[in-house]
Every structure is written in structure tokens, then in C-alpha cells.
Amino acid sequence: MAREKIINSDDSPWEDEPSSAEVSLGPESDLASAASAEDSNLRPSRMAEMIGQMDVKERLQIAIDAAKRRGESLGHILFDGPPGLGKTTFATVIPQEMNVPVEFLSGPVLKAPKDLIPCLTNLVAHQVLFIDEIHRIPKAVEEYLYTAMEDFRIDMVIGEGINARTHSFQLRPFTLIGATTRAGMLSGPLRDRFQIREHLGYYSHLELQQIIHRNAAILKVVVEAQAAAEIASRSRGTPRVANNRLRWIRDYAQSRADGLVSLEVAREAMRMVKIDELGLDHQDRSYLEVLIRICGGGPTGIETIAATMNVATDTLTDDVEPFLLRSELILRTPRGRVATPKAFSHLKLPMAPAPGAAPRTLFD
């Protein structure tokens, strides 16, 4: 096939591009399909408003300041970490700090390169393109991103048979922000094309308390300091969980306690939805009870636990076990899952005899 000359797009200066007021930036527009209006209201809009992830914020601020001084686009960024820790929030804050527009995409939606072409060709200079769950894009789409990310160029085949021609389309410089909960599923070539890679960790209780107080003011509900500490301790170190807990307690307080969230109101609200002091819900405790009461504390295969609970194995491995492991309540061993002494203590159950121990007799 003959190769045509490169087609250059109109490379207008940064200051001549549409302003942030002309192209939708805020959560009220671009995030409407991905989150509720209330989620958007709770989401910070500037870096200074964000709580937690201090090291990540500091490094990103340096990169943003340097890019703005040079008048260039920010380097491609990859965020990884468990759900609910702020990957999408960073993707909304960074364009605000750069004063550029942003476009949101989801990895599973991109079935073929043709789905990506309109998004890339319509980007303005220095714009941010955010792809959530980027590990779920097909291999063909991933390979199509390589030249776009490195050379700001895409190749398109026009026509068929002997009349087919390959055209190269020059893209305006842009910033790709990818978010993933499974960084290990990304291929090496794609991962290496991100100049900035940041892992988001869990939040401390103090940081969650600050988030709860901030969002309580937005939701127009009064939360006492002790109640905020109680909510934070049951939020699994995750702001999204803390916000969900706060919304439920707000509803409970407005219905049962004249809108004031005291420590006792917070505890009663949590007790109603069966969330205990460690933040375990009904399904978490059911997992531990099956492992301890029925399986003697393990070691037990995950398929046995799933079949006993009548729950899909993936649900347990993806949704239940990560927090139980982090809370030191279970162990994953080559022989199966094992409950730790902390799990027995939390459920107030007697410890199972150690493997190989002599059986108890009537006179023990």
C-alpha cells in the first residue's frame, strides 16, 4: 500500500483553544453519566481541596507547575489502586489545575480502534483524555494508543483492496490519564508509556474524619466530632465508603434524630445496616462464620466457602477477601483460607485446636 503524506491538524496556540468555560470541565457535565449529582458535589474540584494522598499530590503539583511554565501538555499519568480512593477525582482536578478541558471514557466501551478515533481527533491542544478501567481495553485498541501517546499520531487505512491508502493524522498534544484497579493486567508496553505512575493507598482515620466533616457541611448535616471518628473507623480506609456511610447516617438522623448526628445516632444507624466496629458488613461476617463454625477455621478452599454461602467465587475474592486480608482476619495459604486469632476474637468464638493437637477428652 502506498503511504500518503502526514496530514497536520490545525495546531493553534494554547491560548487560542476553547477555554474551560467553553468546554465542559466540571463534574456537573462530564461526570453526569458516571456518577450522581450528589457524588459530583462531594468531589473536590481543586488540588487544594483534596484530603489525603499527600505524597501523590505533591509530585503531581510539581509536574503541573512545570508543564504550565513550559506551556506544554502534562505527561501521561497512570493511577492504580483499589476502588474508591480518588483516581477519578484526580482526573477531574488535574484538568482544572491545568485550565484545560477533559473527556471521559471507559475501557470496556472501547471495543475497536474506530471507537477511539473520534475522541483522539477531536482533542484540543493540551486536553486531558481520561480512560477509566484502562486494563479492560482490547489489545487492538491498546496497540492503537502506542503511537498516539508517543508521537501524537494515528494511522488510518482508507479504502479497500488495491485502492487502500494509509493516512497518518497528526494529533494535538494531549495528556492521557488512565485509571485501573488491576495494574498487573496492563501490558508492559502500555504501562511504560505513562511518564507518571502513582499508586493510591488507603486513608488514615484522621483523613477520613476530615473528609466526613467537609462533606457533612456540603450535605448540610451536623456531625459531632465523636460521630465523625466513629464513621471513619468503620469506613475501611476508603473515602467512597465513608461518603456512603455518611449519606445513610444523614438519612437516619433526619428521620429519627432531628438531623443531628451524634455518636449514639451514628452507632444506631450502623447497627441497623449491620456494620460492626471494624467496618465488616453482613457478608463479611458470614464469610468468617462459615470459615470458623463450619470449616473449623481452615485451611479451606475458596470454592467450599462460596458454595456454602451460595455466593460466586469472584464476589468473595474481589469484594470480600481484600478487606479481610488487610484487617488481618484471614490468611491465604497454599492449602486454602485460614482464620486468624483476631477473627475468632472478633466473632467471640473459641479458638479451633491447632493442627496435629491431641483431641480433647471428657476429662480435659
Protein backbone atom coordinates (compact mmCIF):
# COMPACT_ATOMS: atom_id res chain seq x y z
CA MET A 1 0.00 0.00 0.00
CA ALA A 2 1.25 3.48 -0.82
CA ARG A 3 1.83 5.79 2.10
CA GLU A 4 0.49 9.31 1.87
CA LYS A 5 2.00 12.39 3.44
CA ILE A 6 1.18 13.26 7.01
CA ILE A 7 -1.94 15.34 7.48
CA ASN A 8 -1.42 18.01 10.09
CA SER A 9 -4.31 19.28 12.18
CA ASP A 10 -4.60 22.97 12.93
CA ASP A 11 -2.07 23.48 15.67
CA SER A 12 -3.49 26.55 17.28
CA PRO A 13 -1.70 28.07 20.31
CA TRP A 14 -2.77 27.07 23.77
CA GLU A 15 -4.30 30.46 24.48
CA ASP A 16 -6.42 30.26 21.29
CA GLU A 17 -8.04 26.97 22.30
CA PRO A 18 -11.50 26.91 23.87
CA SER A 19 -11.38 27.94 27.50
CA SER A 20 -12.50 25.81 30.38
CA ALA A 21 -15.75 27.76 30.39
CA GLU A 22 -16.45 26.84 26.76
CA VAL A 23 -15.62 23.14 27.02
CA SER A 24 -17.21 21.26 29.89
CA LEU A 25 -14.78 20.55 32.68
CA GLY A 26 -16.73 20.09 35.85
CA PRO A 27 -18.43 17.07 37.33
CA GLU A 28 -21.81 18.62 36.56
CA SER A 29 -21.34 17.69 32.87
CA ASP A 30 -18.63 15.15 32.08
CA LEU A 31 -19.27 13.05 35.18
CA ALA A 32 -23.04 13.03 34.81
CA SER A 33 -23.00 9.64 33.13
CA ALA A 34 -20.57 8.16 35.64
CA ALA A 35 -21.77 9.50 38.98
CA SER A 36 -24.81 11.02 40.57
CA ALA A 37 -25.16 14.75 41.07
CA GLU A 38 -24.55 14.32 44.77
CA ASP A 39 -21.30 12.44 44.11
CA SER A 40 -20.22 15.32 41.89
CA ASN A 41 -20.97 17.86 44.60
CA LEU A 42 -18.86 15.94 47.11
CA ARG A 43 -15.95 15.58 44.69
CA PRO A 44 -13.20 18.22 45.16
CA SER A 45 -12.61 20.48 42.19
CA ARG A 46 -9.12 21.77 43.03
CA MET A 47 -5.97 20.13 44.35
CA ALA A 48 -6.03 22.27 47.49
CA GLU A 49 -9.46 20.87 48.42
CA MET A 50 -8.30 17.25 48.33
CA ILE A 51 -7.61 15.48 51.62
CA GLY A 52 -5.08 12.66 51.88
CA GLN A 53 -2.64 11.21 49.32
CA MET A 54 -0.22 13.99 50.24
CA ASP A 55 2.83 12.47 48.52
CA VAL A 56 0.89 11.93 45.30
CA LYS A 57 -0.50 15.46 45.39
CA GLU A 58 2.95 16.98 45.92
CA ARG A 59 4.50 15.11 43.00
CA LEU A 60 1.59 15.92 40.70
CA GLN A 61 1.68 19.59 41.67
CA ILE A 62 5.35 19.79 40.70
CA ALA A 63 4.63 18.20 37.32
CA ILE A 64 1.65 20.51 36.74
CA ASP A 65 3.59 23.66 37.63
CA ALA A 66 6.48 22.67 35.36
CA ALA A 67 4.18 21.89 32.41
CA LYS A 68 2.36 25.22 32.80
CA ARG A 69 5.68 27.11 32.90
CA ARG A 70 6.80 25.43 29.68
CA GLY A 71 3.41 25.85 28.02
CA GLU A 72 3.31 22.12 27.28
CA SER A 73 0.87 19.33 27.91
CA LEU A 74 1.28 17.29 31.07
CA GLY A 75 2.91 13.86 30.74
CA HIS A 76 0.65 10.82 30.59
CA ILE A 77 -0.44 9.63 34.04
CA LEU A 78 -1.47 6.19 35.31
CA PHE A 79 -3.33 5.84 38.62
CA ASP A 80 -3.74 2.42 40.18
CA GLY A 81 -5.20 1.23 43.44
CA PRO A 82 -8.36 -0.21 44.99
CA PRO A 83 -11.76 1.31 44.15
CA GLY A 84 -12.93 4.46 45.87
CA LEU A 85 -9.56 6.06 46.69
CA GLY A 86 -9.70 9.05 44.33
CA LYS A 87 -8.49 8.03 40.88
CA THR A 88 -11.42 9.71 39.13
CA THR A 89 -11.18 12.68 41.49
CA PHE A 90 -7.57 13.27 40.42
CA ALA A 91 -8.70 13.01 36.80
CA THR A 92 -11.16 15.86 37.36
CA VAL A 93 -8.84 18.00 39.46
CA ILE A 94 -5.80 17.88 37.15
CA PRO A 95 -7.58 19.48 34.15
CA GLN A 96 -8.90 22.20 36.46
CA GLU A 97 -5.37 22.90 37.64
CA MET A 98 -4.11 22.96 34.04
CA ASN A 99 -7.12 25.01 32.88
CA VAL A 100 -7.81 22.59 30.03
CA PRO A 101 -10.89 20.53 29.07
CA VAL A 102 -11.26 16.84 29.80
CA GLU A 103 -13.06 13.96 28.11
CA PHE A 104 -14.09 10.80 29.97
CA LEU A 105 -14.08 7.29 28.53
CA SER A 106 -14.47 3.82 29.99
CA GLY A 107 -12.20 0.95 28.97
CA PRO A 108 -14.98 -1.63 28.37
CA VAL A 109 -16.72 0.74 25.93
CA LEU A 110 -13.74 0.80 23.56
CA LYS A 111 -14.34 -2.34 21.52
CA ALA A 112 -12.22 -1.43 18.47
CA PRO A 113 -9.81 1.33 17.33
CA LYS A 114 -12.64 3.02 15.42
CA ASP A 115 -14.27 3.81 18.77
CA LEU A 116 -11.17 5.74 19.82
CA ILE A 117 -10.52 7.70 16.60
CA PRO A 118 -13.23 10.39 17.07
CA CYS A 119 -12.07 11.06 20.62
CA LEU A 120 -8.43 11.47 19.63
CA THR A 121 -9.00 13.57 16.52
CA ASN A 122 -11.33 15.98 18.32
CA LEU A 123 -8.96 16.69 21.20
CA VAL A 124 -7.78 20.27 21.53
CA ALA A 125 -4.20 21.14 22.43
CA HIS A 126 -3.15 20.02 25.94
CA GLN A 127 -6.55 18.46 26.62
CA VAL A 128 -6.88 15.58 29.09
CA LEU A 129 -8.34 12.25 27.98
CA PHE A 130 -9.33 10.04 30.90
CA ILE A 131 -9.84 6.29 30.42
CA ASP A 132 -11.27 4.51 33.44
CA GLU A 133 -10.62 0.77 33.89
CA ILE A 134 -7.95 1.05 31.22
CA HIS A 135 -6.85 -2.56 31.81
CA ARG A 136 -10.09 -3.70 30.14
CA ILE A 137 -9.43 -2.18 26.71
CA PRO A 138 -8.87 -4.79 23.96
CA LYS A 139 -5.38 -5.50 22.65
CA ALA A 140 -6.11 -3.84 19.29
CA VAL A 141 -7.18 -0.60 20.98
CA GLU A 142 -4.18 -0.72 23.30
CA GLU A 143 -1.75 -1.02 20.38
CA TYR A 144 -3.53 1.84 18.61
CA LEU A 145 -2.74 4.04 21.61
CA TYR A 146 1.01 3.49 21.34
CA THR A 147 1.73 5.98 18.53
CA ALA A 148 -0.94 8.34 19.85
CA MET A 149 0.75 8.53 23.23
CA GLU A 150 4.36 8.68 21.98
CA ASP A 151 4.19 10.59 18.69
CA PHE A 152 0.71 12.16 18.89
CA ARG A 153 -0.14 10.44 15.64
CA ILE A 154 -2.63 7.84 14.48
CA ASP A 155 -2.60 5.81 11.25
CA MET A 156 -5.83 5.21 9.34
CA VAL A 157 -6.47 2.94 6.36
CA ILE A 158 -8.86 4.49 3.84
CA GLY A 159 -10.38 2.39 1.05
CA GLU A 160 -10.15 -1.32 0.31
CA GLY A 161 -8.11 -3.64 -1.87
CA ILE A 162 -5.66 -2.09 -4.31
CA ASN A 163 -7.16 1.34 -3.71
CA ALA A 164 -6.42 1.27 0.02
CA ARG A 165 -4.23 4.04 1.35
CA THR A 166 -2.67 4.63 4.76
CA HIS A 167 -3.01 8.13 6.12
CA SER A 168 -1.22 9.48 9.17
CA PHE A 169 -3.16 12.04 11.15
CA GLN A 170 -1.18 14.33 13.41
CA LEU A 171 -2.88 14.85 16.77
CA ARG A 172 -2.64 17.87 19.01
CA PRO A 173 -0.52 17.21 22.13
CA PHE A 174 -2.71 15.79 24.88
CA THR A 175 -2.49 14.07 28.26
CA LEU A 176 -3.82 10.56 28.73
CA ILE A 177 -4.84 9.71 32.29
CA GLY A 178 -5.51 6.03 32.88
CA ALA A 179 -7.10 4.52 35.99
CA THR A 180 -7.03 0.86 36.91
CA THR A 181 -7.76 -1.35 39.88
CA ARG A 182 -5.56 -4.09 38.39
CA ALA A 183 -2.25 -2.65 37.27
CA GLY A 184 -0.85 -6.16 36.78
CA MET A 185 -3.26 -6.74 33.89
CA LEU A 186 -1.72 -3.88 31.88
CA SER A 187 0.85 -4.93 29.32
CA GLY A 188 4.42 -3.73 29.76
CA PRO A 189 4.49 -1.60 26.58
CA LEU A 190 1.37 0.33 27.60
CA ARG A 191 2.48 0.72 31.21
CA ASP A 192 5.88 2.07 30.14
CA ARG A 193 4.30 4.80 28.02
CA PHE A 194 2.99 6.57 31.12
CA GLN A 195 5.57 9.10 32.30
CA ILE A 196 3.92 9.40 35.72
CA ARG A 197 2.67 6.35 37.63
CA GLU A 198 1.04 6.75 41.02
CA HIS A 199 -0.39 4.16 43.39
CA LEU A 200 -3.17 5.39 45.68
CA GLY A 201 -3.17 3.93 49.18
CA TYR A 202 -5.82 3.71 51.89
CA TYR A 203 -6.63 6.73 54.04
CA SER A 204 -5.98 7.14 57.74
CA HIS A 205 -8.81 7.60 60.24
CA LEU A 206 -7.84 11.24 60.70
CA GLU A 207 -8.00 11.92 56.97
CA LEU A 208 -11.39 10.20 56.74
CA GLN A 209 -12.66 12.33 59.62
CA GLN A 210 -11.63 15.46 57.74
CA ILE A 211 -13.41 14.19 54.61
CA ILE A 212 -16.55 13.42 56.63
CA HIS A 213 -16.63 16.90 58.20
CA ARG A 214 -16.10 18.53 54.79
CA ASN A 215 -18.81 16.51 53.08
CA ALA A 216 -21.20 16.84 56.01
CA ALA A 217 -21.09 20.60 55.50
CA ILE A 218 -21.90 20.12 51.81
CA LEU A 219 -24.77 17.78 52.69
CA LYS A 220 -25.94 20.30 55.30
CA VAL A 221 -25.91 17.89 58.22
CA VAL A 222 -24.30 18.45 61.63
CA VAL A 223 -21.88 15.66 62.60
CA GLU A 224 -20.30 15.71 66.04
CA ALA A 225 -16.56 15.02 66.31
CA GLN A 226 -17.05 11.67 68.06
CA ALA A 227 -19.57 10.60 65.45
CA ALA A 228 -17.18 11.51 62.64
CA ALA A 229 -14.47 9.42 64.31
CA GLU A 230 -16.89 6.50 64.60
CA ILE A 231 -17.88 6.71 60.94
CA ALA A 232 -14.22 6.93 59.90
CA SER A 233 -13.32 3.83 61.91
CA ARG A 234 -15.99 1.83 60.06
CA SER A 235 -15.18 3.10 56.55
CA ARG A 236 -12.45 0.62 55.54
CA GLY A 237 -9.94 3.41 54.87
CA THR A 238 -11.89 4.40 51.74
CA PRO A 239 -13.46 7.83 51.09
CA ARG A 240 -16.20 6.37 48.88
CA VAL A 241 -17.27 4.05 51.68
CA ALA A 242 -17.13 6.94 54.16
CA ASN A 243 -19.39 9.02 51.92
CA ASN A 244 -21.86 6.16 51.58
CA ARG A 245 -21.90 5.66 55.35
CA LEU A 246 -22.38 9.41 55.84
CA ARG A 247 -25.35 9.54 53.46
CA TRP A 248 -27.10 6.68 55.24
CA ILE A 249 -26.46 8.18 58.69
CA ARG A 250 -27.72 11.56 57.45
CA ASP A 251 -30.97 9.93 56.32
CA TYR A 252 -31.27 8.07 59.62
CA ALA A 253 -30.60 11.23 61.64
CA GLN A 254 -33.11 13.29 59.67
CA SER A 255 -35.72 10.58 60.18
CA ARG A 256 -35.02 9.58 63.79
CA ALA A 257 -32.87 12.25 65.45
CA ASP A 258 -33.88 15.71 64.18
CA GLY A 259 -30.91 15.82 61.80
CA LEU A 260 -28.14 15.84 64.42
CA VAL A 261 -25.54 13.07 64.02
CA SER A 262 -24.29 12.24 67.49
CA LEU A 263 -22.13 9.27 68.45
CA GLU A 264 -25.16 7.24 69.55
CA VAL A 265 -27.08 8.11 66.37
CA ALA A 266 -24.13 7.02 64.24
CA ARG A 267 -23.86 3.73 66.11
CA GLU A 268 -27.59 3.05 65.88
CA ALA A 269 -27.59 3.78 62.15
CA MET A 270 -24.64 1.43 61.61
CA ARG A 271 -26.26 -1.24 63.74
CA MET A 272 -29.40 -1.10 61.59
CA VAL A 273 -27.42 -1.90 58.41
CA LYS A 274 -25.29 -4.47 60.28
CA ILE A 275 -21.93 -2.73 60.01
CA ASP A 276 -19.77 -3.54 63.03
CA GLU A 277 -16.89 -1.77 64.75
CA LEU A 278 -14.28 -2.92 62.22
CA GLY A 279 -16.44 -1.95 59.26
CA LEU A 280 -17.44 -5.53 58.44
CA ASP A 281 -20.86 -5.94 56.85
CA HIS A 282 -23.19 -8.94 56.91
CA GLN A 283 -21.44 -10.71 54.04
CA ASP A 284 -18.00 -10.28 55.61
CA ARG A 285 -19.16 -11.81 58.87
CA SER A 286 -20.96 -14.62 57.03
CA TYR A 287 -17.66 -15.47 55.34
CA LEU A 288 -15.87 -15.62 58.69
CA GLU A 289 -18.64 -17.63 60.32
CA VAL A 290 -18.56 -20.24 57.53
CA LEU A 291 -14.78 -20.43 57.76
CA ILE A 292 -14.79 -20.75 61.56
CA ARG A 293 -18.01 -22.52 62.52
CA ILE A 294 -18.32 -24.93 59.59
CA CYS A 295 -14.73 -25.29 58.43
CA GLY A 296 -13.07 -25.13 61.84
CA GLY A 297 -11.03 -22.08 60.95
CA GLY A 298 -9.44 -23.66 57.88
CA PRO A 299 -7.44 -24.24 55.85
CA THR A 300 -10.39 -24.35 53.43
CA GLY A 301 -10.66 -23.80 49.68
CA ILE A 302 -12.48 -20.70 48.44
CA GLU A 303 -14.84 -22.88 46.37
CA THR A 304 -16.05 -24.60 49.54
CA ILE A 305 -16.74 -21.28 51.25
CA ALA A 306 -18.50 -19.89 48.15
CA ALA A 307 -20.68 -22.98 47.76
CA THR A 308 -21.64 -22.90 51.44
CA MET A 309 -22.56 -19.22 51.27
CA ASN A 310 -24.24 -19.64 47.87
CA VAL A 311 -22.14 -16.77 46.53
CA ALA A 312 -20.00 -16.56 43.39
CA THR A 313 -16.30 -17.22 43.95
CA ASP A 314 -15.34 -13.98 42.17
CA THR A 315 -17.51 -12.00 44.57
CA LEU A 316 -15.59 -13.36 47.53
CA THR A 317 -12.12 -12.95 46.03
CA ASP A 318 -12.76 -9.44 44.63
CA ASP A 319 -15.17 -7.86 47.13
CA VAL A 320 -14.91 -9.68 50.45
CA GLU A 321 -11.42 -11.09 50.92
CA PRO A 322 -9.30 -7.95 50.24
CA PHE A 323 -10.59 -6.15 53.34
CA LEU A 324 -10.48 -9.30 55.48
CA LEU A 325 -6.86 -9.82 54.46
CA ARG A 326 -5.96 -6.20 55.14
CA SER A 327 -7.69 -6.40 58.52
CA GLU A 328 -5.59 -9.49 59.40
CA LEU A 329 -8.72 -11.62 59.84
CA ILE A 330 -7.82 -14.32 57.30
CA LEU A 331 -4.76 -15.72 55.57
CA ARG A 332 -4.37 -17.14 52.07
CA THR A 333 -2.20 -20.23 52.19
CA PRO A 334 -1.36 -22.87 49.55
CA ARG A 335 -3.80 -25.20 51.32
CA GLY A 336 -6.64 -22.66 51.47
CA ARG A 337 -8.06 -19.86 53.60
CA VAL A 338 -7.29 -19.76 57.33
CA ALA A 339 -8.96 -17.64 60.02
CA THR A 340 -6.55 -15.78 62.30
CA PRO A 341 -6.87 -15.49 66.10
CA LYS A 342 -8.12 -11.94 65.54
CA ALA A 343 -11.10 -13.31 63.57
CA PHE A 344 -12.00 -15.72 66.39
CA SER A 345 -11.74 -12.90 68.90
CA HIS A 346 -13.82 -10.51 66.80
CA LEU A 347 -16.66 -13.02 66.44
CA LYS A 348 -16.24 -14.04 70.10
CA LEU A 349 -15.78 -17.69 69.17
CA PRO A 350 -13.43 -20.21 70.85
CA MET A 351 -10.19 -20.90 69.04
CA ALA A 352 -10.06 -24.10 66.99
CA PRO A 353 -7.47 -26.68 68.13
CA ALA A 354 -4.14 -26.40 66.39
CA PRO A 355 -3.47 -28.89 63.58
CA GLY A 356 -2.00 -32.10 65.00
CA ALA A 357 -3.12 -31.36 68.55
CA ALA A 358 -4.47 -34.25 70.61
CA PRO A 359 -8.27 -34.39 70.70
CA ARG A 360 -9.94 -33.13 73.82
CA THR A 361 -11.35 -35.76 76.18
CA LEU A 362 -14.22 -35.76 78.62
CA PHE A 363 -11.82 -35.03 81.50
CA ASP A 364 -9.99 -32.07 79.86
